Structure formats: structure tokens, C-alpha cells
């Protein structure tokens, strides 16, 4: 993947992904996220390490929401030409999510459904389609970069939870 396929902001996420086959990376993430969140003690699921920081439950729903947004971007760029999509405010999404009212099992069921759909979506893309791009949040984004960002984004947030919550 070239650096012209994504906004430099996402380089941190992309660099965290070591598996070159995107559908395999998505499948690995499915197993890792489920195991990771199931291992968090119940008393830490709604813990905030500082004022206005997200709880692990909010982080999990943020991962789900972000995956849905980036999957939509990938689908749109795979099926359309010359498309520009707006950004989204992740803080507003989390603030309006009510993530802490859900059980961990409910959130993980939602994650499983979302990730299963994402894997299915990306399995349908050939190499040419993966290289197609559009504009999201004012910057170029390829279909391939969108999928890779999904994978790296969740690794990034798991690392933060390990460092600051556990």
C-alpha cells in the first residue's frame, strides 16, 4: 500500500497491521478482540482513567461504529467513481452511544455481526477494486486502506486499554 492511499493521520494504525492479507487480518482481529474484551475484569468495563476519557465499553462500541463507517467508505469507493464522503465526529458518536447501558455480551454480539459483515464485504473485492479510492474527510482513501485502518485502529485501542486501564 502506498502513502498516497490514505491521510497521513492513519499511518500509525496502518503500521500496526502485520498480516498482509486483509481478510485474514480482519479474521485475526475478530478472535483477538473477543478474547481481549472478555479478559477485562467486570469492574473495569465502565472505568475511566481520567475525566472525559472513554470506558472500555465505549471503546468497543467506538470500534464497532468506526468499522461501520470505514466499511461504508470502502463499499462506496468500490462501487462508485468520484465520490466524496464527509467525516464523522468520533467523540459525538461515543457521547450519543449509551455504550455503558449494554452488557459486554451484547456489545460483543454487535461486534461479531459487524466484523462478519466486514469480512464478507472485503472477500468480494478483487485486487483492482481494493486499489480504487475516493475522498473521505477531505483526503484520499483507498478501499484497501479503509480495511487496513479498521484492523490497525482496533489494535491501537487495545494497546491503550492495556496501558491505561488494566
C-alpha atoms as a PDB file:
ATOM      1  CA  UNK A   1       0.000   0.000   0.000  1.00  0.00           C
ATOM      2  CA  UNK A   2       1.318   3.440  -0.837  1.00  0.00           C
ATOM      3  CA  UNK A   3       1.113   6.502   1.379  1.00  0.00           C
ATOM      4  CA  UNK A   4      -0.996   8.186  -1.326  1.00  0.00           C
ATOM      5  CA  UNK A   5      -3.882   5.849  -0.460  1.00  0.00           C
ATOM      6  CA  UNK A   6      -4.665   7.443   2.897  1.00  0.00           C
ATOM      7  CA  UNK A   7      -4.330  10.542   5.051  1.00  0.00           C
ATOM      8  CA  UNK A   8      -1.010  10.558   6.971  1.00  0.00           C
ATOM      9  CA  UNK A   9      -3.069  10.628  10.208  1.00  0.00           C
ATOM     10  CA  UNK A  10      -3.819   6.912   9.678  1.00  0.00           C
ATOM     11  CA  UNK A  11      -0.175   5.828   9.268  1.00  0.00           C
ATOM     12  CA  UNK A  12       0.008   4.849  12.968  1.00  0.00           C
ATOM     13  CA  UNK A  13      -2.907   2.435  12.528  1.00  0.00           C
ATOM     14  CA  UNK A  14      -1.660   1.039   9.231  1.00  0.00           C
ATOM     15  CA  UNK A  15       1.799   0.397  10.690  1.00  0.00           C
ATOM     16  CA  UNK A  16       0.263  -1.785  13.433  1.00  0.00           C
ATOM     17  CA  UNK A  17      -1.074  -4.289  10.888  1.00  0.00           C
ATOM     18  CA  UNK A  18       1.468  -7.036  10.212  1.00  0.00           C
ATOM     19  CA  UNK A  19      -0.716  -9.525   8.313  1.00  0.00           C
ATOM     20  CA  UNK A  20      -0.594  -8.574   4.602  1.00  0.00           C
ATOM     21  CA  UNK A  21      -3.769 -10.454   3.615  1.00  0.00           C
ATOM     22  CA  UNK A  22      -6.600  -8.128   4.581  1.00  0.00           C
ATOM     23  CA  UNK A  23      -9.338 -10.729   5.066  1.00  0.00           C
ATOM     24  CA  UNK A  24      -7.001 -12.772   7.256  1.00  0.00           C
ATOM     25  CA  UNK A  25      -6.119  -9.693   9.297  1.00  0.00           C
ATOM     26  CA  UNK A  26      -9.823  -8.982   9.803  1.00  0.00           C
ATOM     27  CA  UNK A  27     -10.396 -12.590  10.906  1.00  0.00           C
ATOM     28  CA  UNK A  28      -7.484 -12.475  13.340  1.00  0.00           C
ATOM     29  CA  UNK A  29      -8.886  -9.254  14.766  1.00  0.00           C
ATOM     30  CA  UNK A  30     -12.244 -10.916  15.332  1.00  0.00           C
ATOM     31  CA  UNK A  31     -10.686 -13.542  17.570  1.00  0.00           C
ATOM     32  CA  UNK A  32      -8.325 -11.136  19.307  1.00  0.00           C
ATOM     33  CA  UNK A  33     -10.976  -8.545  20.168  1.00  0.00           C
ATOM     34  CA  UNK A  34     -13.384 -11.118  21.547  1.00  0.00           C
ATOM     35  CA  UNK A  35     -10.689 -12.673  23.748  1.00  0.00           C
ATOM     36  CA  UNK A  36      -9.306  -9.285  24.762  1.00  0.00           C
ATOM     37  CA  UNK A  37     -12.595  -7.777  25.941  1.00  0.00           C
ATOM     38  CA  UNK A  38     -13.701 -10.998  27.638  1.00  0.00           C
ATOM     39  CA  UNK A  39     -10.481 -10.861  29.700  1.00  0.00           C
ATOM     40  CA  UNK A  40     -11.174  -7.360  31.056  1.00  0.00           C
ATOM     41  CA  UNK A  41     -12.400  -7.581  34.673  1.00  0.00           C
ATOM     42  CA  UNK A  42     -16.065  -6.578  35.062  1.00  0.00           C
ATOM     43  CA  UNK A  43     -15.166  -3.736  37.420  1.00  0.00           C
ATOM     44  CA  UNK A  44     -13.009  -2.169  34.666  1.00  0.00           C
ATOM     45  CA  UNK A  45     -15.589  -2.246  31.852  1.00  0.00           C
ATOM     46  CA  UNK A  46     -17.057   1.118  32.874  1.00  0.00           C
ATOM     47  CA  UNK A  47     -13.843   2.556  34.312  1.00  0.00           C
ATOM     48  CA  UNK A  48     -12.440   5.905  33.119  1.00  0.00           C
ATOM     49  CA  UNK A  49      -8.765   6.553  33.790  1.00  0.00           C
ATOM     50  CA  UNK A  50      -9.418  10.316  33.610  1.00  0.00           C
ATOM     51  CA  UNK A  51     -12.325  12.729  33.257  1.00  0.00           C
ATOM     52  CA  UNK A  52     -13.921  12.630  29.789  1.00  0.00           C
ATOM     53  CA  UNK A  53     -11.979   9.524  28.752  1.00  0.00           C
ATOM     54  CA  UNK A  54     -13.906   6.605  27.323  1.00  0.00           C
ATOM     55  CA  UNK A  55     -14.707   3.435  29.227  1.00  0.00           C
ATOM     56  CA  UNK A  56     -13.693   0.078  27.691  1.00  0.00           C
ATOM     57  CA  UNK A  57     -17.344  -0.472  26.749  1.00  0.00           C
ATOM     58  CA  UNK A  58     -17.358   2.899  24.979  1.00  0.00           C
ATOM     59  CA  UNK A  59     -14.112   1.977  23.235  1.00  0.00           C
ATOM     60  CA  UNK A  60     -15.658  -1.268  21.999  1.00  0.00           C
ATOM     61  CA  UNK A  61     -18.723   0.495  20.621  1.00  0.00           C
ATOM     62  CA  UNK A  62     -16.405   3.123  19.096  1.00  0.00           C
ATOM     63  CA  UNK A  63     -14.569   0.304  17.306  1.00  0.00           C
ATOM     64  CA  UNK A  64     -17.884  -1.018  16.002  1.00  0.00           C
ATOM     65  CA  UNK A  65     -19.068   2.412  14.842  1.00  0.00           C
ATOM     66  CA  UNK A  66     -15.749   3.213  13.190  1.00  0.00           C
ATOM     67  CA  UNK A  67     -15.720  -0.138  11.420  1.00  0.00           C
ATOM     68  CA  UNK A  68     -19.191   0.547  10.059  1.00  0.00           C
ATOM     69  CA  UNK A  69     -18.114   3.978   8.809  1.00  0.00           C
ATOM     70  CA  UNK A  70     -14.952   2.672   7.139  1.00  0.00           C
ATOM     71  CA  UNK A  71     -16.769  -0.320   5.651  1.00  0.00           C
ATOM     72  CA  UNK A  72     -19.319   2.061   4.154  1.00  0.00           C
ATOM     73  CA  UNK A  73     -16.497   4.154   2.751  1.00  0.00           C
ATOM     74  CA  UNK A  74     -14.881   1.042   1.254  1.00  0.00           C
ATOM     75  CA  UNK A  75     -18.169  -0.103  -0.275  1.00  0.00           C
ATOM     76  CA  UNK A  76     -18.884   3.341  -1.709  1.00  0.00           C
ATOM     77  CA  UNK A  77     -15.426   3.691  -3.246  1.00  0.00           C
ATOM     78  CA  UNK A  78     -15.581   0.145  -4.609  1.00  0.00           C
ATOM     79  CA  UNK A  79     -18.899   0.727  -6.355  1.00  0.00           C
ATOM     80  CA  UNK A  80     -18.747   4.411  -7.329  1.00  0.00           C
ATOM     81  CA  UNK A  81     -16.468   6.881  -9.060  1.00  0.00           C
ATOM     82  CA  UNK A  82     -15.515  10.406  -7.989  1.00  0.00           C
ATOM     83  CA  UNK A  83     -17.166  10.193  -4.579  1.00  0.00           C
ATOM     84  CA  UNK A  84     -16.550  12.458  -1.638  1.00  0.00           C
ATOM     85  CA  UNK A  85     -17.824  11.428   1.798  1.00  0.00           C
ATOM     86  CA  UNK A  86     -17.951  13.589   4.919  1.00  0.00           C
ATOM     87  CA  UNK A  87     -16.040  12.882   8.093  1.00  0.00           C
ATOM     88  CA  UNK A  88     -17.628  11.905  11.371  1.00  0.00           C
ATOM     89  CA  UNK A  89     -17.129  13.150  14.894  1.00  0.00           C
ATOM     90  CA  UNK A  90     -15.988  10.168  16.939  1.00  0.00           C
ATOM     91  CA  UNK A  91     -16.492  11.997  20.223  1.00  0.00           C
ATOM     92  CA  UNK A  92     -20.081  12.856  19.329  1.00  0.00           C
ATOM     93  CA  UNK A  93     -20.701   9.242  18.303  1.00  0.00           C
ATOM     94  CA  UNK A  94     -19.393   7.966  21.658  1.00  0.00           C
ATOM     95  CA  UNK A  95     -21.261  10.614  23.630  1.00  0.00           C
ATOM     96  CA  UNK A  96     -24.525   9.568  21.971  1.00  0.00           C
ATOM     97  CA  UNK A  97     -23.889   5.814  22.059  1.00  0.00           C
ATOM     98  CA  UNK A  98     -25.092   4.890  25.576  1.00  0.00           C
ATOM     99  CA  UNK A  99     -22.467   2.132  25.392  1.00  0.00           C
ATOM    100  CA  UNK A 100     -22.383   1.577  29.146  1.00  0.00           C
ATOM    101  CA  UNK A 101     -26.035   0.525  29.256  1.00  0.00           C
ATOM    102  CA  UNK A 102     -25.200  -2.600  27.237  1.00  0.00           C
ATOM    103  CA  UNK A 103     -23.744  -5.791  28.620  1.00  0.00           C
ATOM    104  CA  UNK A 104     -20.383  -6.880  27.332  1.00  0.00           C
ATOM    105  CA  UNK A 105     -22.066  -9.853  25.645  1.00  0.00           C
ATOM    106  CA  UNK A 106     -24.450  -7.536  23.803  1.00  0.00           C
ATOM    107  CA  UNK A 107     -21.563  -5.375  22.596  1.00  0.00           C
ATOM    108  CA  UNK A 108     -19.535  -8.397  21.529  1.00  0.00           C
ATOM    109  CA  UNK A 109     -22.544  -9.794  19.626  1.00  0.00           C
ATOM    110  CA  UNK A 110     -22.764  -6.456  17.794  1.00  0.00           C
ATOM    111  CA  UNK A 111     -19.025  -6.561  17.122  1.00  0.00           C
ATOM    112  CA  UNK A 112     -19.283 -10.123  15.779  1.00  0.00           C
ATOM    113  CA  UNK A 113     -22.131  -9.179  13.430  1.00  0.00           C
ATOM    114  CA  UNK A 114     -20.273  -6.112  12.201  1.00  0.00           C
ATOM    115  CA  UNK A 115     -16.949  -7.892  11.704  1.00  0.00           C
ATOM    116  CA  UNK A 116     -18.599 -10.838   9.952  1.00  0.00           C
ATOM    117  CA  UNK A 117     -20.224  -8.420   7.514  1.00  0.00           C
ATOM    118  CA  UNK A 118     -16.919  -6.589   7.006  1.00  0.00           C
ATOM    119  CA  UNK A 119     -15.068  -9.821   6.231  1.00  0.00           C
ATOM    120  CA  UNK A 120     -17.769 -10.806   3.755  1.00  0.00           C
ATOM    121  CA  UNK A 121     -17.586  -7.372   2.110  1.00  0.00           C
ATOM    122  CA  UNK A 122     -13.812  -7.447   1.691  1.00  0.00           C
ATOM    123  CA  UNK A 123     -13.823 -11.040   0.410  1.00  0.00           C
ATOM    124  CA  UNK A 124     -15.819  -9.734  -2.546  1.00  0.00           C
ATOM    125  CA  UNK A 125     -13.191  -7.176  -3.565  1.00  0.00           C
ATOM    126  CA  UNK A 126     -10.565  -8.108  -6.150  1.00  0.00           C
ATOM    127  CA  UNK A 127      -7.108  -6.504  -6.295  1.00  0.00           C
ATOM    128  CA  UNK A 128      -8.248  -3.796  -8.725  1.00  0.00           C
ATOM    129  CA  UNK A 129     -11.202  -2.882  -6.510  1.00  0.00           C
ATOM    130  CA  UNK A 130      -9.017  -2.734  -3.394  1.00  0.00           C
ATOM    131  CA  UNK A 131      -6.920  -0.039  -5.098  1.00  0.00           C
ATOM    132  CA  UNK A 132      -9.895   2.166  -6.012  1.00  0.00           C
ATOM    133  CA  UNK A 133     -10.289   5.292  -3.948  1.00  0.00           C
ATOM    134  CA  UNK A 134     -12.420   8.267  -3.153  1.00  0.00           C
ATOM    135  CA  UNK A 135     -12.341  11.215  -0.802  1.00  0.00           C
ATOM    136  CA  UNK A 136     -13.278  10.834   2.871  1.00  0.00           C
ATOM    137  CA  UNK A 137     -12.918  13.621   5.413  1.00  0.00           C
ATOM    138  CA  UNK A 138     -11.210  15.723   2.750  1.00  0.00           C
ATOM    139  CA  UNK A 139      -8.452  13.182   1.955  1.00  0.00           C
ATOM    140  CA  UNK A 140      -7.888  10.308  -0.440  1.00  0.00           C
ATOM    141  CA  UNK A 141      -8.788   6.880   0.917  1.00  0.00           C
ATOM    142  CA  UNK A 142      -8.467   3.599  -0.964  1.00  0.00           C
ATOM    143  CA  UNK A 143     -10.686   0.601  -0.360  1.00  0.00           C
ATOM    144  CA  UNK A 144      -7.620  -1.342   0.826  1.00  0.00           C
ATOM    145  CA  UNK A 145      -6.558   1.429   3.206  1.00  0.00           C
ATOM    146  CA  UNK A 146     -10.063   1.566   4.711  1.00  0.00           C
ATOM    147  CA  UNK A 147      -9.875  -2.125   5.604  1.00  0.00           C
ATOM    148  CA  UNK A 148      -6.346  -1.875   6.937  1.00  0.00           C
ATOM    149  CA  UNK A 149      -7.290   1.118   9.076  1.00  0.00           C
ATOM    150  CA  UNK A 150     -10.123  -0.916  10.616  1.00  0.00           C
ATOM    151  CA  UNK A 151      -7.582  -3.555  11.668  1.00  0.00           C
ATOM    152  CA  UNK A 152      -4.945  -1.155  12.968  1.00  0.00           C
ATOM    153  CA  UNK A 153      -7.477   1.065  14.722  1.00  0.00           C
ATOM    154  CA  UNK A 154      -8.609  -1.758  16.974  1.00  0.00           C
ATOM    155  CA  UNK A 155      -5.012  -2.773  17.765  1.00  0.00           C
ATOM    156  CA  UNK A 156      -4.314   0.843  18.712  1.00  0.00           C
ATOM    157  CA  UNK A 157      -7.250   0.994  21.119  1.00  0.00           C
ATOM    158  CA  UNK A 158      -6.432  -2.371  22.702  1.00  0.00           C
ATOM    159  CA  UNK A 159      -2.910  -1.087  23.351  1.00  0.00           C
ATOM    160  CA  UNK A 160      -4.337   1.999  25.066  1.00  0.00           C
ATOM    161  CA  UNK A 161      -6.621  -0.136  27.236  1.00  0.00           C
ATOM    162  CA  UNK A 162      -3.650  -2.322  28.244  1.00  0.00           C
ATOM    163  CA  UNK A 163      -1.560   0.729  29.132  1.00  0.00           C
ATOM    164  CA  UNK A 164      -4.126   2.878  30.909  1.00  0.00           C
ATOM    165  CA  UNK A 165      -6.964   0.704  32.155  1.00  0.00           C
ATOM    166  CA  UNK A 166      -5.565  -2.663  33.212  1.00  0.00           C
END
